[in-house]
Amino acid sequence: MTENDLENRHLMVQKIEDQDLVEAEQLVEAYLDLATKHEKKSVRSHINHHGYTLMGLIKLQHGLVEEAKDLLIKSAQVSYSPAISTFGPSMRLAKALLEIEEKNIVLNYLDECKQFWYFFLRFVQLAKWKKAIKNGEMPDFKGNLFY
C-alpha cells in the first residue's frame, strides 16, 4: 500500500478516537469506495479489510454491536493481500469487541484469519491469542493493533 493509504487510515482512526463519528464514517465510506474502483484484487482486499474494520469500530461506538460483529467477520473474508499476509490482519475491532465480552465472534475471526498467514509461526501466534481469550485474558496483539 502507499504512504497516502497509511496516512488516510491514521486520519480515520484519529477521527474515531476523537468521537468525530460523522466525519469518520464519511471518510471510511469514501475509502471503501476506492476498493470498488481499484483494478488490483489484492489492493481491493487490503482496502476492504481495513475499511470494514474501521466501519466496525464506528458501529460499535454507535452501540450497534451486531453490525460491528458482522463487519469483523467480513473483514476476514477478503481475498489474498500481500500486505495483510506480511503484517497480519488488524486486531483493532477484535480487541474492542473483546473489551465488551464478545469472545465467540473474536475466536471465529481468528479462525477466519488463518487464510492470511502461511507461516508456521503465525499459526502459533493465532493459537496463543485464542488460548488467552479462552482463559479470559486480553491477548497481546502487538503491532496488529496498528496495521
N, C-alpha and C. Protein backbone atom coordinates (compact mmCIF):
# COMPACT_ATOMS: atom_id res chain seq x y z
N MET A 1 0.84 -1.18 0.00
CA MET A 1 0.00 0.00 0.00
C MET A 1 0.89 1.24 0.00
N THR A 2 0.27 2.34 -0.28
CA THR A 2 1.04 3.58 -0.40
C THR A 2 1.10 4.30 0.94
N GLU A 3 2.01 5.26 1.01
CA GLU A 3 2.12 6.11 2.19
C GLU A 3 0.82 6.88 2.39
N ASN A 4 0.19 7.29 1.28
CA ASN A 4 -1.07 8.02 1.36
C ASN A 4 -2.16 7.16 2.00
N ASP A 5 -2.18 5.86 1.66
CA ASP A 5 -3.15 4.95 2.25
C ASP A 5 -2.98 4.91 3.76
N LEU A 6 -1.74 4.80 4.22
CA LEU A 6 -1.46 4.74 5.64
C LEU A 6 -1.88 6.04 6.33
N GLU A 7 -1.59 7.16 5.71
CA GLU A 7 -1.99 8.45 6.27
C GLU A 7 -3.51 8.55 6.37
N ASN A 8 -4.21 8.09 5.33
CA ASN A 8 -5.68 8.12 5.36
C ASN A 8 -6.23 7.26 6.48
N ARG A 9 -5.65 6.07 6.66
CA ARG A 9 -6.12 5.20 7.74
C ARG A 9 -5.85 5.82 9.10
N HIS A 10 -4.70 6.45 9.26
CA HIS A 10 -4.39 7.11 10.54
C HIS A 10 -5.39 8.24 10.80
N LEU A 11 -5.75 8.98 9.77
CA LEU A 11 -6.73 10.05 9.92
C LEU A 11 -8.09 9.48 10.33
N MET A 12 -8.51 8.38 9.70
CA MET A 12 -9.79 7.76 10.05
C MET A 12 -9.78 7.27 11.49
N VAL A 13 -8.69 6.65 11.89
CA VAL A 13 -8.57 6.17 13.28
C VAL A 13 -8.63 7.34 14.24
N GLN A 14 -7.95 8.42 13.91
CA GLN A 14 -7.95 9.60 14.78
C GLN A 14 -9.36 10.16 14.92
N LYS A 15 -10.10 10.21 13.83
CA LYS A 15 -11.48 10.70 13.89
C LYS A 15 -12.35 9.81 14.78
N ILE A 16 -12.14 8.50 14.69
CA ILE A 16 -12.89 7.57 15.53
C ILE A 16 -12.53 7.78 16.99
N GLU A 17 -11.24 7.88 17.27
CA GLU A 17 -10.79 8.08 18.66
C GLU A 17 -11.26 9.41 19.22
N ASP A 18 -11.38 10.42 18.36
CA ASP A 18 -11.87 11.74 18.79
C ASP A 18 -13.39 11.81 18.88
N GLN A 19 -14.05 10.68 18.59
CA GLN A 19 -15.51 10.62 18.61
C GLN A 19 -16.15 11.50 17.52
N ASP A 20 -15.41 11.83 16.49
CA ASP A 20 -15.94 12.57 15.35
C ASP A 20 -16.47 11.52 14.36
N LEU A 21 -17.56 10.87 14.77
CA LEU A 21 -18.03 9.69 14.05
C LEU A 21 -18.67 10.00 12.71
N VAL A 22 -19.28 11.17 12.57
CA VAL A 22 -19.89 11.53 11.29
C VAL A 22 -18.80 11.66 10.22
N GLU A 23 -17.77 12.42 10.53
CA GLU A 23 -16.68 12.58 9.57
C GLU A 23 -15.93 11.26 9.37
N ALA A 24 -15.73 10.52 10.45
CA ALA A 24 -15.05 9.23 10.34
C ALA A 24 -15.81 8.30 9.39
N GLU A 25 -17.12 8.25 9.55
CA GLU A 25 -17.92 7.38 8.69
C GLU A 25 -17.85 7.82 7.23
N GLN A 26 -17.87 9.11 6.99
CA GLN A 26 -17.75 9.61 5.62
C GLN A 26 -16.40 9.23 5.02
N LEU A 27 -15.34 9.37 5.80
CA LEU A 27 -14.00 9.02 5.33
C LEU A 27 -13.89 7.52 5.04
N VAL A 28 -14.45 6.70 5.92
CA VAL A 28 -14.37 5.25 5.73
C VAL A 28 -15.19 4.83 4.51
N GLU A 29 -16.37 5.43 4.35
CA GLU A 29 -17.19 5.11 3.16
C GLU A 29 -16.45 5.47 1.88
N ALA A 30 -15.78 6.62 1.87
CA ALA A 30 -15.01 7.03 0.69
C ALA A 30 -13.83 6.07 0.47
N TYR A 31 -13.22 5.63 1.56
CA TYR A 31 -12.11 4.68 1.48
C TYR A 31 -12.59 3.36 0.90
N LEU A 32 -13.71 2.85 1.39
CA LEU A 32 -14.27 1.60 0.87
C LEU A 32 -14.67 1.74 -0.60
N ASP A 33 -15.11 2.93 -0.99
CA ASP A 33 -15.47 3.18 -2.38
C ASP A 33 -14.26 3.04 -3.30
N LEU A 34 -13.07 3.37 -2.77
CA LEU A 34 -11.84 3.20 -3.55
C LEU A 34 -11.64 1.75 -3.96
N ALA A 35 -12.05 0.84 -3.08
CA ALA A 35 -11.86 -0.59 -3.37
C ALA A 35 -12.64 -1.00 -4.62
N THR A 36 -13.80 -0.43 -4.82
CA THR A 36 -14.62 -0.81 -5.98
C THR A 36 -14.00 -0.32 -7.28
N LYS A 37 -13.12 0.68 -7.18
CA LYS A 37 -12.55 1.30 -8.36
C LYS A 37 -11.14 0.82 -8.69
N HIS A 38 -10.52 0.11 -7.76
CA HIS A 38 -9.13 -0.29 -7.97
C HIS A 38 -9.07 -1.55 -8.82
N GLU A 39 -8.12 -1.59 -9.75
CA GLU A 39 -8.03 -2.72 -10.67
C GLU A 39 -7.34 -3.94 -10.06
N LYS A 40 -6.50 -3.75 -9.04
CA LYS A 40 -5.79 -4.88 -8.43
C LYS A 40 -6.62 -5.49 -7.31
N LYS A 41 -6.87 -6.78 -7.45
CA LYS A 41 -7.67 -7.50 -6.45
C LYS A 41 -7.03 -7.44 -5.07
N SER A 42 -5.71 -7.56 -5.01
CA SER A 42 -5.04 -7.55 -3.70
C SER A 42 -5.18 -6.21 -3.00
N VAL A 43 -5.19 -5.12 -3.77
CA VAL A 43 -5.37 -3.79 -3.18
C VAL A 43 -6.82 -3.63 -2.72
N ARG A 44 -7.76 -4.12 -3.51
CA ARG A 44 -9.17 -4.08 -3.09
C ARG A 44 -9.35 -4.83 -1.77
N SER A 45 -8.71 -5.97 -1.66
CA SER A 45 -8.81 -6.76 -0.43
C SER A 45 -8.24 -6.01 0.77
N HIS A 46 -7.09 -5.39 0.56
CA HIS A 46 -6.44 -4.63 1.62
C HIS A 46 -7.34 -3.47 2.09
N ILE A 47 -7.86 -2.73 1.14
CA ILE A 47 -8.74 -1.61 1.48
C ILE A 47 -9.98 -2.11 2.19
N ASN A 48 -10.59 -3.15 1.68
CA ASN A 48 -11.81 -3.68 2.31
C ASN A 48 -11.54 -4.17 3.73
N HIS A 49 -10.44 -4.88 3.92
CA HIS A 49 -10.13 -5.38 5.26
C HIS A 49 -10.08 -4.23 6.26
N HIS A 50 -9.31 -3.22 5.95
CA HIS A 50 -9.17 -2.10 6.88
C HIS A 50 -10.43 -1.24 6.94
N GLY A 51 -11.09 -1.07 5.81
CA GLY A 51 -12.33 -0.30 5.80
C GLY A 51 -13.42 -0.95 6.64
N TYR A 52 -13.59 -2.25 6.51
CA TYR A 52 -14.60 -2.95 7.32
C TYR A 52 -14.23 -2.90 8.80
N THR A 53 -12.96 -3.01 9.10
CA THR A 53 -12.51 -2.92 10.49
C THR A 53 -12.86 -1.55 11.08
N LEU A 54 -12.53 -0.51 10.35
CA LEU A 54 -12.80 0.84 10.84
C LEU A 54 -14.30 1.13 10.92
N MET A 55 -15.06 0.66 9.93
CA MET A 55 -16.51 0.86 9.98
C MET A 55 -17.10 0.10 11.17
N GLY A 56 -16.55 -1.06 11.46
CA GLY A 56 -16.99 -1.82 12.63
C GLY A 56 -16.76 -1.06 13.92
N LEU A 57 -15.62 -0.38 14.02
CA LEU A 57 -15.34 0.44 15.20
C LEU A 57 -16.35 1.58 15.33
N ILE A 58 -16.72 2.16 14.21
CA ILE A 58 -17.72 3.23 14.22
C ILE A 58 -19.07 2.67 14.68
N LYS A 59 -19.47 1.54 14.12
CA LYS A 59 -20.75 0.92 14.50
C LYS A 59 -20.75 0.60 15.99
N LEU A 60 -19.63 0.13 16.49
CA LEU A 60 -19.52 -0.19 17.91
C LEU A 60 -19.69 1.07 18.76
N GLN A 61 -19.11 2.18 18.31
CA GLN A 61 -19.27 3.45 19.03
C GLN A 61 -20.74 3.89 19.07
N HIS A 62 -21.49 3.51 18.05
CA HIS A 62 -22.93 3.83 17.99
C HIS A 62 -23.77 2.81 18.76
N GLY A 63 -23.13 1.80 19.34
CA GLY A 63 -23.85 0.78 20.08
C GLY A 63 -24.44 -0.31 19.20
N LEU A 64 -24.03 -0.38 17.96
CA LEU A 64 -24.54 -1.37 17.02
C LEU A 64 -23.61 -2.57 17.00
N VAL A 65 -23.68 -3.35 18.07
CA VAL A 65 -22.75 -4.45 18.30
C VAL A 65 -22.87 -5.52 17.22
N GLU A 66 -24.09 -5.88 16.86
CA GLU A 66 -24.26 -6.94 15.85
C GLU A 66 -23.68 -6.53 14.50
N GLU A 67 -23.85 -5.27 14.12
CA GLU A 67 -23.26 -4.78 12.87
C GLU A 67 -21.74 -4.80 12.96
N ALA A 68 -21.20 -4.42 14.11
CA ALA A 68 -19.75 -4.45 14.30
C ALA A 68 -19.22 -5.88 14.19
N LYS A 69 -19.94 -6.82 14.78
CA LYS A 69 -19.52 -8.23 14.71
C LYS A 69 -19.56 -8.73 13.27
N ASP A 70 -20.60 -8.36 12.53
CA ASP A 70 -20.68 -8.75 11.12
C ASP A 70 -19.51 -8.18 10.32
N LEU A 71 -19.16 -6.94 10.59
CA LEU A 71 -18.06 -6.31 9.87
C LEU A 71 -16.71 -6.93 10.25
N LEU A 72 -16.58 -7.38 11.49
CA LEU A 72 -15.34 -8.06 11.88
C LEU A 72 -15.14 -9.30 11.01
N ILE A 73 -16.17 -10.12 10.89
CA ILE A 73 -16.06 -11.33 10.08
C ILE A 73 -15.87 -10.98 8.60
N LYS A 74 -16.60 -9.98 8.14
CA LYS A 74 -16.46 -9.56 6.74
C LYS A 74 -15.03 -9.11 6.44
N SER A 75 -14.38 -8.48 7.42
CA SER A 75 -13.01 -8.00 7.21
C SER A 75 -12.03 -9.16 7.03
N ALA A 76 -12.39 -10.33 7.52
CA ALA A 76 -11.52 -11.51 7.38
C ALA A 76 -11.85 -12.34 6.15
N GLN A 77 -12.92 -12.00 5.47
CA GLN A 77 -13.36 -12.79 4.33
C GLN A 77 -13.00 -12.13 3.00
N VAL A 78 -11.95 -11.34 3.03
CA VAL A 78 -11.46 -10.72 1.80
C VAL A 78 -10.45 -11.67 1.16
N SER A 79 -10.12 -11.42 -0.08
CA SER A 79 -9.16 -12.24 -0.80
C SER A 79 -7.74 -11.96 -0.32
N TYR A 80 -6.80 -12.70 -0.89
CA TYR A 80 -5.39 -12.58 -0.54
C TYR A 80 -4.89 -11.15 -0.78
N SER A 81 -4.10 -10.69 0.17
CA SER A 81 -3.42 -9.41 0.06
C SER A 81 -2.00 -9.60 0.59
N PRO A 82 -0.99 -9.28 -0.21
CA PRO A 82 0.39 -9.43 0.28
C PRO A 82 0.64 -8.63 1.56
N ALA A 83 0.05 -7.44 1.66
CA ALA A 83 0.27 -6.61 2.85
C ALA A 83 -0.32 -7.28 4.09
N ILE A 84 -1.52 -7.82 3.98
CA ILE A 84 -2.13 -8.49 5.14
C ILE A 84 -1.37 -9.76 5.47
N SER A 85 -0.93 -10.48 4.45
CA SER A 85 -0.17 -11.70 4.70
C SER A 85 1.17 -11.40 5.36
N THR A 86 1.77 -10.27 5.05
CA THR A 86 3.05 -9.90 5.63
C THR A 86 2.90 -9.38 7.06
N PHE A 87 2.02 -8.41 7.22
CA PHE A 87 1.89 -7.74 8.51
C PHE A 87 0.81 -8.36 9.39
N GLY A 88 -0.10 -9.07 8.77
CA GLY A 88 -1.19 -9.67 9.52
C GLY A 88 -2.43 -8.81 9.49
N PRO A 89 -3.54 -9.39 9.88
CA PRO A 89 -4.80 -8.66 9.89
C PRO A 89 -4.87 -7.69 11.07
N SER A 90 -5.71 -6.71 10.93
CA SER A 90 -5.93 -5.75 12.01
C SER A 90 -6.69 -6.41 13.16
N MET A 91 -6.29 -6.10 14.36
CA MET A 91 -6.96 -6.62 15.55
C MET A 91 -7.65 -5.51 16.35
N ARG A 92 -7.76 -4.33 15.75
CA ARG A 92 -8.40 -3.20 16.45
C ARG A 92 -9.84 -3.52 16.85
N LEU A 93 -10.63 -3.95 15.89
CA LEU A 93 -12.03 -4.24 16.16
C LEU A 93 -12.17 -5.47 17.04
N ALA A 94 -11.32 -6.47 16.83
CA ALA A 94 -11.35 -7.66 17.67
C ALA A 94 -11.11 -7.29 19.13
N LYS A 95 -10.14 -6.45 19.37
CA LYS A 95 -9.85 -6.01 20.75
C LYS A 95 -11.03 -5.25 21.33
N ALA A 96 -11.60 -4.36 20.55
CA ALA A 96 -12.76 -3.58 21.04
C ALA A 96 -13.93 -4.50 21.39
N LEU A 97 -14.14 -5.53 20.60
CA LEU A 97 -15.22 -6.47 20.89
C LEU A 97 -14.90 -7.33 22.11
N LEU A 98 -13.65 -7.69 22.28
CA LEU A 98 -13.26 -8.43 23.48
C LEU A 98 -13.49 -7.59 24.74
N GLU A 99 -13.29 -6.31 24.62
CA GLU A 99 -13.49 -5.42 25.77
C GLU A 99 -14.93 -5.40 26.24
N ILE A 100 -15.87 -5.81 25.37
CA ILE A 100 -17.28 -5.89 25.79
C ILE A 100 -17.73 -7.36 25.85
N GLU A 101 -16.75 -8.24 26.05
CA GLU A 101 -17.01 -9.66 26.29
C GLU A 101 -17.59 -10.43 25.10
N GLU A 102 -17.28 -10.01 23.88
CA GLU A 102 -17.74 -10.71 22.68
C GLU A 102 -16.66 -11.70 22.23
N LYS A 103 -16.41 -12.69 23.06
CA LYS A 103 -15.32 -13.63 22.82
C LYS A 103 -15.55 -14.54 21.62
N ASN A 104 -16.75 -15.09 21.49
CA ASN A 104 -17.01 -16.08 20.44
C ASN A 104 -16.77 -15.52 19.04
N ILE A 105 -17.22 -14.30 18.80
CA ILE A 105 -17.05 -13.72 17.47
C ILE A 105 -15.56 -13.48 17.19
N VAL A 106 -14.81 -13.11 18.20
CA VAL A 106 -13.38 -12.89 18.00
C VAL A 106 -12.66 -14.22 17.75
N LEU A 107 -13.06 -15.27 18.44
CA LEU A 107 -12.49 -16.59 18.17
C LEU A 107 -12.80 -17.03 16.73
N ASN A 108 -14.02 -16.75 16.27
CA ASN A 108 -14.38 -17.06 14.88
C ASN A 108 -13.53 -16.23 13.91
N TYR A 109 -13.32 -14.97 14.24
CA TYR A 109 -12.49 -14.10 13.41
C TYR A 109 -11.07 -14.65 13.30
N LEU A 110 -10.52 -15.07 14.42
CA LEU A 110 -9.15 -15.61 14.39
C LEU A 110 -9.08 -16.86 13.52
N ASP A 111 -10.13 -17.68 13.55
CA ASP A 111 -10.17 -18.84 12.65
C ASP A 111 -10.18 -18.41 11.20
N GLU A 112 -10.95 -17.38 10.89
CA GLU A 112 -11.00 -16.85 9.52
C GLU A 112 -9.65 -16.28 9.09
N CYS A 113 -8.91 -15.73 10.04
CA CYS A 113 -7.63 -15.08 9.74
C CYS A 113 -6.53 -16.06 9.35
N LYS A 114 -6.75 -17.35 9.55
CA LYS A 114 -5.74 -18.34 9.16
C LYS A 114 -5.39 -18.22 7.68
N GLN A 115 -6.34 -17.81 6.88
CA GLN A 115 -6.11 -17.70 5.43
C GLN A 115 -5.03 -16.67 5.09
N PHE A 116 -4.82 -15.70 5.95
CA PHE A 116 -3.86 -14.63 5.65
C PHE A 116 -2.42 -15.05 5.87
N TRP A 117 -2.20 -15.99 6.78
CA TRP A 117 -0.85 -16.33 7.18
C TRP A 117 -0.51 -17.75 6.80
N TYR A 118 0.60 -17.91 6.11
CA TYR A 118 1.04 -19.23 5.65
C TYR A 118 2.21 -19.78 6.45
N PHE A 119 2.79 -18.96 7.29
CA PHE A 119 3.97 -19.36 8.03
C PHE A 119 3.59 -19.99 9.36
N PHE A 120 4.30 -21.03 9.73
CA PHE A 120 4.01 -21.77 10.96
C PHE A 120 3.98 -20.85 12.18
N LEU A 121 4.94 -19.93 12.27
CA LEU A 121 5.00 -19.06 13.45
C LEU A 121 3.75 -18.20 13.59
N ARG A 122 3.14 -17.85 12.48
CA ARG A 122 1.91 -17.07 12.54
C ARG A 122 0.76 -17.90 13.11
N PHE A 123 0.73 -19.19 12.76
CA PHE A 123 -0.29 -20.07 13.31
C PHE A 123 -0.11 -20.22 14.82
N VAL A 124 1.14 -20.24 15.25
CA VAL A 124 1.43 -20.30 16.69
C VAL A 124 0.89 -19.04 17.36
N GLN A 125 1.08 -17.89 16.71
CA GLN A 125 0.58 -16.63 17.26
C GLN A 125 -0.94 -16.67 17.39
N LEU A 126 -1.62 -17.13 16.36
CA LEU A 126 -3.08 -17.24 16.43
C LEU A 126 -3.51 -18.16 17.57
N ALA A 127 -2.81 -19.27 17.73
CA ALA A 127 -3.13 -20.21 18.80
C ALA A 127 -2.94 -19.57 20.18
N LYS A 128 -1.88 -18.78 20.34
CA LYS A 128 -1.65 -18.08 21.62
C LYS A 128 -2.77 -17.08 21.90
N TRP A 129 -3.18 -16.34 20.88
CA TRP A 129 -4.27 -15.38 21.07
C TRP A 129 -5.56 -16.08 21.46
N LYS A 130 -5.85 -17.18 20.77
CA LYS A 130 -7.07 -17.93 21.08
C LYS A 130 -7.04 -18.50 22.50
N LYS A 131 -5.90 -19.00 22.90
CA LYS A 131 -5.77 -19.54 24.26
C LYS A 131 -6.00 -18.46 25.30
N ALA A 132 -5.42 -17.29 25.08
CA ALA A 132 -5.60 -16.18 26.01
C ALA A 132 -7.08 -15.81 26.13
N ILE A 133 -7.75 -15.73 25.01
CA ILE A 133 -9.18 -15.38 25.01
C ILE A 133 -9.99 -16.43 25.77
N LYS A 134 -9.72 -17.68 25.50
CA LYS A 134 -10.44 -18.76 26.18
C LYS A 134 -10.18 -18.77 27.68
N ASN A 135 -9.00 -18.25 28.08
CA ASN A 135 -8.66 -18.15 29.51
C ASN A 135 -9.15 -16.85 30.13
N GLY A 136 -9.92 -16.07 29.36
CA GLY A 136 -10.46 -14.82 29.88
C GLY A 136 -9.47 -13.68 29.93
N GLU A 137 -8.38 -13.80 29.18
CA GLU A 137 -7.35 -12.77 29.16
C GLU A 137 -7.42 -11.99 27.84
N MET A 138 -6.87 -10.79 27.87
CA MET A 138 -6.75 -10.00 26.65
C MET A 138 -5.42 -10.35 25.99
N PRO A 139 -5.46 -10.85 24.76
CA PRO A 139 -4.20 -11.17 24.06
C PRO A 139 -3.37 -9.92 23.82
N ASP A 140 -2.08 -10.12 23.71
CA ASP A 140 -1.18 -9.03 23.34
C ASP A 140 -1.09 -9.04 21.81
N PHE A 141 -1.92 -8.23 21.18
CA PHE A 141 -1.99 -8.20 19.73
C PHE A 141 -0.82 -7.45 19.10
N LYS A 142 -0.03 -6.78 19.90
CA LYS A 142 1.18 -6.08 19.46
C LYS A 142 0.91 -5.18 18.26
N GLY A 143 1.72 -5.33 17.23
CA GLY A 143 1.62 -4.47 16.05
C GLY A 143 0.32 -4.63 15.28
N ASN A 144 -0.39 -5.71 15.50
CA ASN A 144 -1.64 -5.91 14.76
C ASN A 144 -2.74 -4.94 15.19
N LEU A 145 -2.49 -4.19 16.22
CA LEU A 145 -3.43 -3.12 16.60
C LEU A 145 -3.17 -1.86 15.77
N PHE A 146 -2.06 -1.82 15.07
CA PHE A 146 -1.68 -0.60 14.35
C PHE A 146 -1.63 -0.76 12.85
N TYR A 147 -1.72 -1.99 12.32
CA TYR A 147 -1.67 -2.20 10.87
C TYR A 147 -2.99 -1.81 10.26
